[in-house]
Amino acid sequence: MALHINIEDLLNGKAVESNRLDYKEGWNPDTIYRTICAFANDFEDTGGYVVIGVKEENGRAQ
């Protein structure tokens, strides 16, 4: 299955957090599970990406 977003753009800070993309600096199950549930309950049924292990600043990967 192909990603709908370029991984290089994600890691080089070009992709900004949105309702389809969420960066998580570390493994915190509570916040990650909430994000996954939000993506799963999306009315448009398009889901999203959770990128774990990436610090963000102003919505961009650092």
N, C-alpha and C. Protein backbone atom coordinates (compact mmCIF):
# COMPACT_ATOMS: atom_id res chain seq x y z
N MET A 1 0.84 -1.18 0.00
CA MET A 1 0.00 0.00 0.00
C MET A 1 0.88 1.24 0.00
N ALA A 2 0.67 2.14 -0.91
CA ALA A 2 1.47 3.35 -1.02
C ALA A 2 0.98 4.41 -0.05
N LEU A 3 1.93 5.18 0.48
CA LEU A 3 1.58 6.31 1.32
C LEU A 3 1.04 7.44 0.45
N HIS A 4 0.08 8.18 0.97
CA HIS A 4 -0.48 9.30 0.23
C HIS A 4 0.28 10.59 0.53
N ILE A 5 1.39 10.45 1.22
CA ILE A 5 2.21 11.60 1.56
C ILE A 5 3.67 11.18 1.44
N ASN A 6 4.50 12.09 1.02
CA ASN A 6 5.91 11.81 0.82
C ASN A 6 6.63 11.75 2.16
N ILE A 7 7.27 10.64 2.47
CA ILE A 7 7.96 10.47 3.76
C ILE A 7 9.09 11.48 3.93
N GLU A 8 9.75 11.83 2.84
CA GLU A 8 10.82 12.84 2.91
C GLU A 8 10.26 14.19 3.32
N ASP A 9 9.08 14.55 2.81
CA ASP A 9 8.45 15.80 3.21
C ASP A 9 8.08 15.79 4.68
N LEU A 10 7.65 14.63 5.17
CA LEU A 10 7.32 14.51 6.59
C LEU A 10 8.54 14.79 7.46
N LEU A 11 9.63 14.14 7.15
CA LEU A 11 10.81 14.20 8.00
C LEU A 11 11.66 15.45 7.79
N ASN A 12 11.47 16.15 6.70
CA ASN A 12 12.23 17.38 6.46
C ASN A 12 11.47 18.63 6.86
N GLY A 13 10.36 18.46 7.57
CA GLY A 13 9.62 19.60 8.09
C GLY A 13 8.76 20.32 7.07
N LYS A 14 8.51 19.71 5.92
CA LYS A 14 7.69 20.35 4.90
C LYS A 14 6.21 20.09 5.11
N ALA A 15 5.88 19.00 5.77
CA ALA A 15 4.49 18.66 6.02
C ALA A 15 4.08 19.20 7.38
N VAL A 16 3.00 19.96 7.42
CA VAL A 16 2.52 20.58 8.64
C VAL A 16 1.40 19.74 9.23
N GLU A 17 1.38 19.65 10.57
CA GLU A 17 0.30 18.91 11.24
C GLU A 17 -1.05 19.45 10.78
N SER A 18 -1.99 18.54 10.65
CA SER A 18 -3.33 18.90 10.21
C SER A 18 -4.31 17.89 10.78
N ASN A 19 -5.53 17.92 10.27
CA ASN A 19 -6.50 16.93 10.74
C ASN A 19 -6.23 15.54 10.15
N ARG A 20 -5.21 15.40 9.30
CA ARG A 20 -4.82 14.11 8.73
C ARG A 20 -3.41 13.69 9.11
N LEU A 21 -2.68 14.55 9.83
CA LEU A 21 -1.30 14.28 10.19
C LEU A 21 -1.02 14.76 11.60
N ASP A 22 -0.45 13.88 12.42
CA ASP A 22 -0.14 14.23 13.80
C ASP A 22 1.22 13.68 14.18
N TYR A 23 2.10 14.55 14.66
CA TYR A 23 3.43 14.14 15.13
C TYR A 23 3.37 13.90 16.63
N LYS A 24 4.02 12.83 17.09
CA LYS A 24 4.14 12.52 18.52
C LYS A 24 5.61 12.32 18.84
N GLU A 25 6.10 13.07 19.83
CA GLU A 25 7.51 12.97 20.18
C GLU A 25 7.88 11.64 20.79
N GLY A 26 7.00 11.09 21.61
CA GLY A 26 7.28 9.82 22.26
C GLY A 26 6.03 8.97 22.34
N TRP A 27 6.20 7.81 22.95
CA TRP A 27 5.09 6.87 23.07
C TRP A 27 4.29 7.19 24.33
N ASN A 28 3.18 7.88 24.14
CA ASN A 28 2.22 8.15 25.20
C ASN A 28 0.89 7.56 24.74
N PRO A 29 0.57 6.37 25.22
CA PRO A 29 -0.62 5.68 24.70
C PRO A 29 -1.90 6.50 24.74
N ASP A 30 -2.11 7.28 25.81
CA ASP A 30 -3.36 8.04 25.92
C ASP A 30 -3.57 8.98 24.73
N THR A 31 -2.56 9.78 24.42
CA THR A 31 -2.74 10.74 23.32
C THR A 31 -2.72 10.05 21.96
N ILE A 32 -1.92 9.02 21.83
CA ILE A 32 -1.87 8.31 20.55
C ILE A 32 -3.18 7.58 20.28
N TYR A 33 -3.72 6.92 21.29
CA TYR A 33 -5.00 6.23 21.11
C TYR A 33 -6.11 7.21 20.75
N ARG A 34 -6.11 8.39 21.35
CA ARG A 34 -7.14 9.40 21.02
C ARG A 34 -7.02 9.83 19.56
N THR A 35 -5.80 10.01 19.12
CA THR A 35 -5.59 10.41 17.73
C THR A 35 -6.05 9.30 16.78
N ILE A 36 -5.70 8.07 17.09
CA ILE A 36 -6.11 6.94 16.25
C ILE A 36 -7.63 6.82 16.22
N CYS A 37 -8.27 6.99 17.35
CA CYS A 37 -9.74 6.93 17.40
C CYS A 37 -10.37 8.06 16.59
N ALA A 38 -9.77 9.24 16.66
CA ALA A 38 -10.28 10.37 15.87
C ALA A 38 -10.17 10.07 14.38
N PHE A 39 -9.04 9.52 13.95
CA PHE A 39 -8.88 9.15 12.55
C PHE A 39 -9.87 8.06 12.15
N ALA A 40 -10.09 7.10 13.03
CA ALA A 40 -10.99 5.98 12.73
C ALA A 40 -12.44 6.43 12.64
N ASN A 41 -12.80 7.48 13.37
CA ASN A 41 -14.18 7.97 13.39
C ASN A 41 -14.40 9.13 12.43
N ASP A 42 -13.52 9.30 11.49
CA ASP A 42 -13.60 10.38 10.52
C ASP A 42 -14.81 10.18 9.61
N PHE A 43 -15.60 11.22 9.44
CA PHE A 43 -16.80 11.13 8.61
C PHE A 43 -16.47 10.91 7.13
N GLU A 44 -15.35 11.45 6.68
CA GLU A 44 -14.96 11.31 5.28
C GLU A 44 -14.27 9.98 5.01
N ASP A 45 -13.98 9.23 6.07
CA ASP A 45 -13.36 7.90 5.96
C ASP A 45 -12.02 7.93 5.22
N THR A 46 -11.21 8.96 5.51
CA THR A 46 -9.91 9.05 4.87
C THR A 46 -8.76 8.76 5.82
N GLY A 47 -9.04 8.71 7.12
CA GLY A 47 -8.00 8.37 8.09
C GLY A 47 -6.93 9.43 8.21
N GLY A 48 -5.74 9.00 8.61
CA GLY A 48 -4.66 9.95 8.78
C GLY A 48 -3.38 9.23 9.15
N TYR A 49 -2.35 10.01 9.45
CA TYR A 49 -1.03 9.48 9.79
C TYR A 49 -0.62 9.97 11.16
N VAL A 50 -0.13 9.05 11.99
CA VAL A 50 0.48 9.39 13.28
C VAL A 50 1.95 9.03 13.13
N VAL A 51 2.81 10.03 13.26
CA VAL A 51 4.25 9.82 13.13
C VAL A 51 4.84 9.89 14.54
N ILE A 52 5.27 8.75 15.06
CA ILE A 52 5.76 8.65 16.43
C ILE A 52 7.28 8.75 16.42
N GLY A 53 7.80 9.51 17.39
CA GLY A 53 9.25 9.67 17.50
C GLY A 53 9.74 10.94 16.83
N VAL A 54 8.83 11.84 16.50
CA VAL A 54 9.20 13.08 15.83
C VAL A 54 8.71 14.26 16.66
N LYS A 55 9.65 15.09 17.09
CA LYS A 55 9.30 16.30 17.82
C LYS A 55 8.78 17.32 16.81
N GLU A 56 7.78 18.11 17.21
CA GLU A 56 7.24 19.11 16.32
C GLU A 56 7.32 20.49 16.97
N GLU A 57 7.44 21.48 16.11
CA GLU A 57 7.41 22.88 16.54
C GLU A 57 6.60 23.66 15.53
N ASN A 58 5.56 24.32 16.03
CA ASN A 58 4.64 25.05 15.15
C ASN A 58 4.05 24.15 14.06
N GLY A 59 3.80 22.89 14.42
CA GLY A 59 3.17 21.96 13.50
C GLY A 59 4.11 21.29 12.51
N ARG A 60 5.40 21.63 12.55
CA ARG A 60 6.37 21.04 11.62
C ARG A 60 7.33 20.12 12.35
N ALA A 61 7.75 19.06 11.67
CA ALA A 61 8.72 18.11 12.26
C ALA A 61 10.03 18.82 12.53
N GLN A 62 10.65 18.47 13.66
CA GLN A 62 11.95 19.06 14.01
C GLN A 62 13.01 17.99 14.04
